[in-house]
Amino acid sequence: MAILPVVGVLAETVSGLVGAELAVNIHHEVADPAAHAYDPGLMARLRELADRGALTLRVHDYLDDDRLWAYLSGLDLSVLPYWA
């Protein structure tokens, strides 16, 4: 995944759009030192961007299918930062 490069471009783009919000969703295990996906550098950078108002950071558990579908249905755009 290329989370920071993608988030950086999106944050810059969204900053120029009136009324737009960049919401970044991260599973809690990225912020949990006991978890296999723990990434303190990523979390620090995302929190820094959130503190500056460049994005809204949401750290949460995995969503079940119904909650995920409901969430995605309310978005105008969803971007996944996968690296090919």
C-alpha atoms as a PDB file:
ATOM      1  CA  MET A   1       0.000   0.000   0.000  1.00  0.00           C
ATOM      2  CA  ALA A   2       1.097   3.544  -0.701  1.00  0.00           C
ATOM      3  CA  ILE A   3      -0.913   5.281   2.002  1.00  0.00           C
ATOM      4  CA  LEU A   4       1.137   8.439   2.583  1.00  0.00           C
ATOM      5  CA  PRO A   5       1.751   9.295  -1.080  1.00  0.00           C
ATOM      6  CA  VAL A   6      -1.944   8.843  -1.888  1.00  0.00           C
ATOM      7  CA  VAL A   7      -3.128  10.737   1.195  1.00  0.00           C
ATOM      8  CA  GLY A   8      -0.690  13.557   0.402  1.00  0.00           C
ATOM      9  CA  VAL A   9      -2.074  14.052  -3.095  1.00  0.00           C
ATOM     10  CA  LEU A  10      -5.662  13.781  -1.877  1.00  0.00           C
ATOM     11  CA  ALA A  11      -5.094  16.264   0.976  1.00  0.00           C
ATOM     12  CA  GLU A  12      -3.612  18.792  -1.424  1.00  0.00           C
ATOM     13  CA  THR A  13      -6.429  18.305  -3.913  1.00  0.00           C
ATOM     14  CA  VAL A  14      -9.220  18.455  -1.344  1.00  0.00           C
ATOM     15  CA  SER A  15      -7.802  21.634   0.185  1.00  0.00           C
ATOM     16  CA  GLY A  16      -8.776  23.424  -3.016  1.00  0.00           C
ATOM     17  CA  LEU A  17     -12.356  22.118  -3.102  1.00  0.00           C
ATOM     18  CA  VAL A  18     -14.995  24.138  -1.266  1.00  0.00           C
ATOM     19  CA  GLY A  19     -16.994  21.975   1.131  1.00  0.00           C
ATOM     20  CA  ALA A  20     -14.933  18.841   0.546  1.00  0.00           C
ATOM     21  CA  GLU A  21     -13.668  16.617   3.354  1.00  0.00           C
ATOM     22  CA  LEU A  22     -10.922  14.015   3.226  1.00  0.00           C
ATOM     23  CA  ALA A  23     -11.755  11.198   5.635  1.00  0.00           C
ATOM     24  CA  VAL A  24      -8.999   8.654   6.198  1.00  0.00           C
ATOM     25  CA  ASN A  25     -10.061   5.361   7.770  1.00  0.00           C
ATOM     26  CA  ILE A  26      -7.439   3.194   9.450  1.00  0.00           C
ATOM     27  CA  HIS A  27      -7.986  -0.067  11.270  1.00  0.00           C
ATOM     28  CA  HIS A  28      -7.131   0.168  14.963  1.00  0.00           C
ATOM     29  CA  GLU A  29      -4.321  -2.381  14.660  1.00  0.00           C
ATOM     30  CA  VAL A  30      -2.200   0.166  12.791  1.00  0.00           C
ATOM     31  CA  ALA A  31      -2.204   2.245  15.993  1.00  0.00           C
ATOM     32  CA  ASP A  32      -1.848  -0.694  18.409  1.00  0.00           C
ATOM     33  CA  PRO A  33       1.748  -1.491  19.477  1.00  0.00           C
ATOM     34  CA  ALA A  34       0.728  -5.095  20.185  1.00  0.00           C
ATOM     35  CA  ALA A  35      -0.685  -5.678  16.692  1.00  0.00           C
ATOM     36  CA  HIS A  36       1.116  -7.091  13.664  1.00  0.00           C
ATOM     37  CA  ALA A  37       0.119  -4.094  11.501  1.00  0.00           C
ATOM     38  CA  TYR A  38       1.448  -1.478  13.945  1.00  0.00           C
ATOM     39  CA  ASP A  39       2.964   1.477  12.099  1.00  0.00           C
ATOM     40  CA  PRO A  40       3.831   4.371  14.419  1.00  0.00           C
ATOM     41  CA  GLY A  41       5.377   6.452  11.635  1.00  0.00           C
ATOM     42  CA  LEU A  42       2.243   6.254   9.526  1.00  0.00           C
ATOM     43  CA  MET A  43       0.012   7.074  12.473  1.00  0.00           C
ATOM     44  CA  ALA A  44       2.190  10.042  13.480  1.00  0.00           C
ATOM     45  CA  ARG A  45       2.007  11.531   9.987  1.00  0.00           C
ATOM     46  CA  LEU A  46      -1.753  10.967   9.703  1.00  0.00           C
ATOM     47  CA  ARG A  47      -2.318  12.542  13.127  1.00  0.00           C
ATOM     48  CA  GLU A  48      -0.164  15.498  12.102  1.00  0.00           C
ATOM     49  CA  LEU A  49      -2.272  16.013   8.969  1.00  0.00           C
ATOM     50  CA  ALA A  50      -5.457  15.660  11.027  1.00  0.00           C
ATOM     51  CA  ASP A  51      -4.203  18.209  13.573  1.00  0.00           C
ATOM     52  CA  ARG A  52      -3.566  20.650  10.716  1.00  0.00           C
ATOM     53  CA  GLY A  53      -7.116  20.147   9.463  1.00  0.00           C
ATOM     54  CA  ALA A  54      -6.009  18.494   6.223  1.00  0.00           C
ATOM     55  CA  LEU A  55      -8.068  15.362   6.927  1.00  0.00           C
ATOM     56  CA  THR A  56     -10.390  13.655   9.353  1.00  0.00           C
ATOM     57  CA  LEU A  57      -8.748  10.552  10.807  1.00  0.00           C
ATOM     58  CA  ARG A  58     -10.974   7.650  11.820  1.00  0.00           C
ATOM     59  CA  VAL A  59      -9.335   4.747  13.644  1.00  0.00           C
ATOM     60  CA  HIS A  60     -11.736   1.842  14.039  1.00  0.00           C
ATOM     61  CA  ASP A  61     -12.252  -1.912  14.007  1.00  0.00           C
ATOM     62  CA  TYR A  62     -13.074  -3.719  10.796  1.00  0.00           C
ATOM     63  CA  LEU A  63     -16.619  -2.971   9.656  1.00  0.00           C
ATOM     64  CA  ASP A  64     -18.992  -5.821   8.974  1.00  0.00           C
ATOM     65  CA  ASP A  65     -20.458  -5.971   5.474  1.00  0.00           C
ATOM     66  CA  ASP A  66     -23.643  -4.058   6.338  1.00  0.00           C
ATOM     67  CA  ARG A  67     -21.811  -1.218   8.096  1.00  0.00           C
ATOM     68  CA  LEU A  68     -19.195  -1.029   5.340  1.00  0.00           C
ATOM     69  CA  TRP A  69     -21.877  -0.874   2.644  1.00  0.00           C
ATOM     70  CA  ALA A  70     -23.770   1.830   4.553  1.00  0.00           C
ATOM     71  CA  TYR A  71     -20.586   3.870   4.977  1.00  0.00           C
ATOM     72  CA  LEU A  72     -19.510   3.562   1.339  1.00  0.00           C
ATOM     73  CA  SER A  73     -23.025   4.402   0.131  1.00  0.00           C
ATOM     74  CA  GLY A  74     -22.740   7.791   1.805  1.00  0.00           C
ATOM     75  CA  LEU A  75     -19.510   8.777   0.048  1.00  0.00           C
ATOM     76  CA  ASP A  76     -19.021  10.655  -3.188  1.00  0.00           C
ATOM     77  CA  LEU A  77     -15.672   8.947  -3.779  1.00  0.00           C
ATOM     78  CA  SER A  78     -13.617   6.194  -2.175  1.00  0.00           C
ATOM     79  CA  VAL A  79      -9.915   5.711  -2.874  1.00  0.00           C
ATOM     80  CA  LEU A  80      -7.922   2.643  -1.852  1.00  0.00           C
ATOM     81  CA  PRO A  81      -4.142   3.214  -1.692  1.00  0.00           C
ATOM     82  CA  TYR A  82      -3.019  -0.081  -3.178  1.00  0.00           C
ATOM     83  CA  TRP A  83       0.318  -0.197  -4.943  1.00  0.00           C
ATOM     84  CA  ALA A  84       0.461  -2.263  -8.122  1.00  0.00           C
END
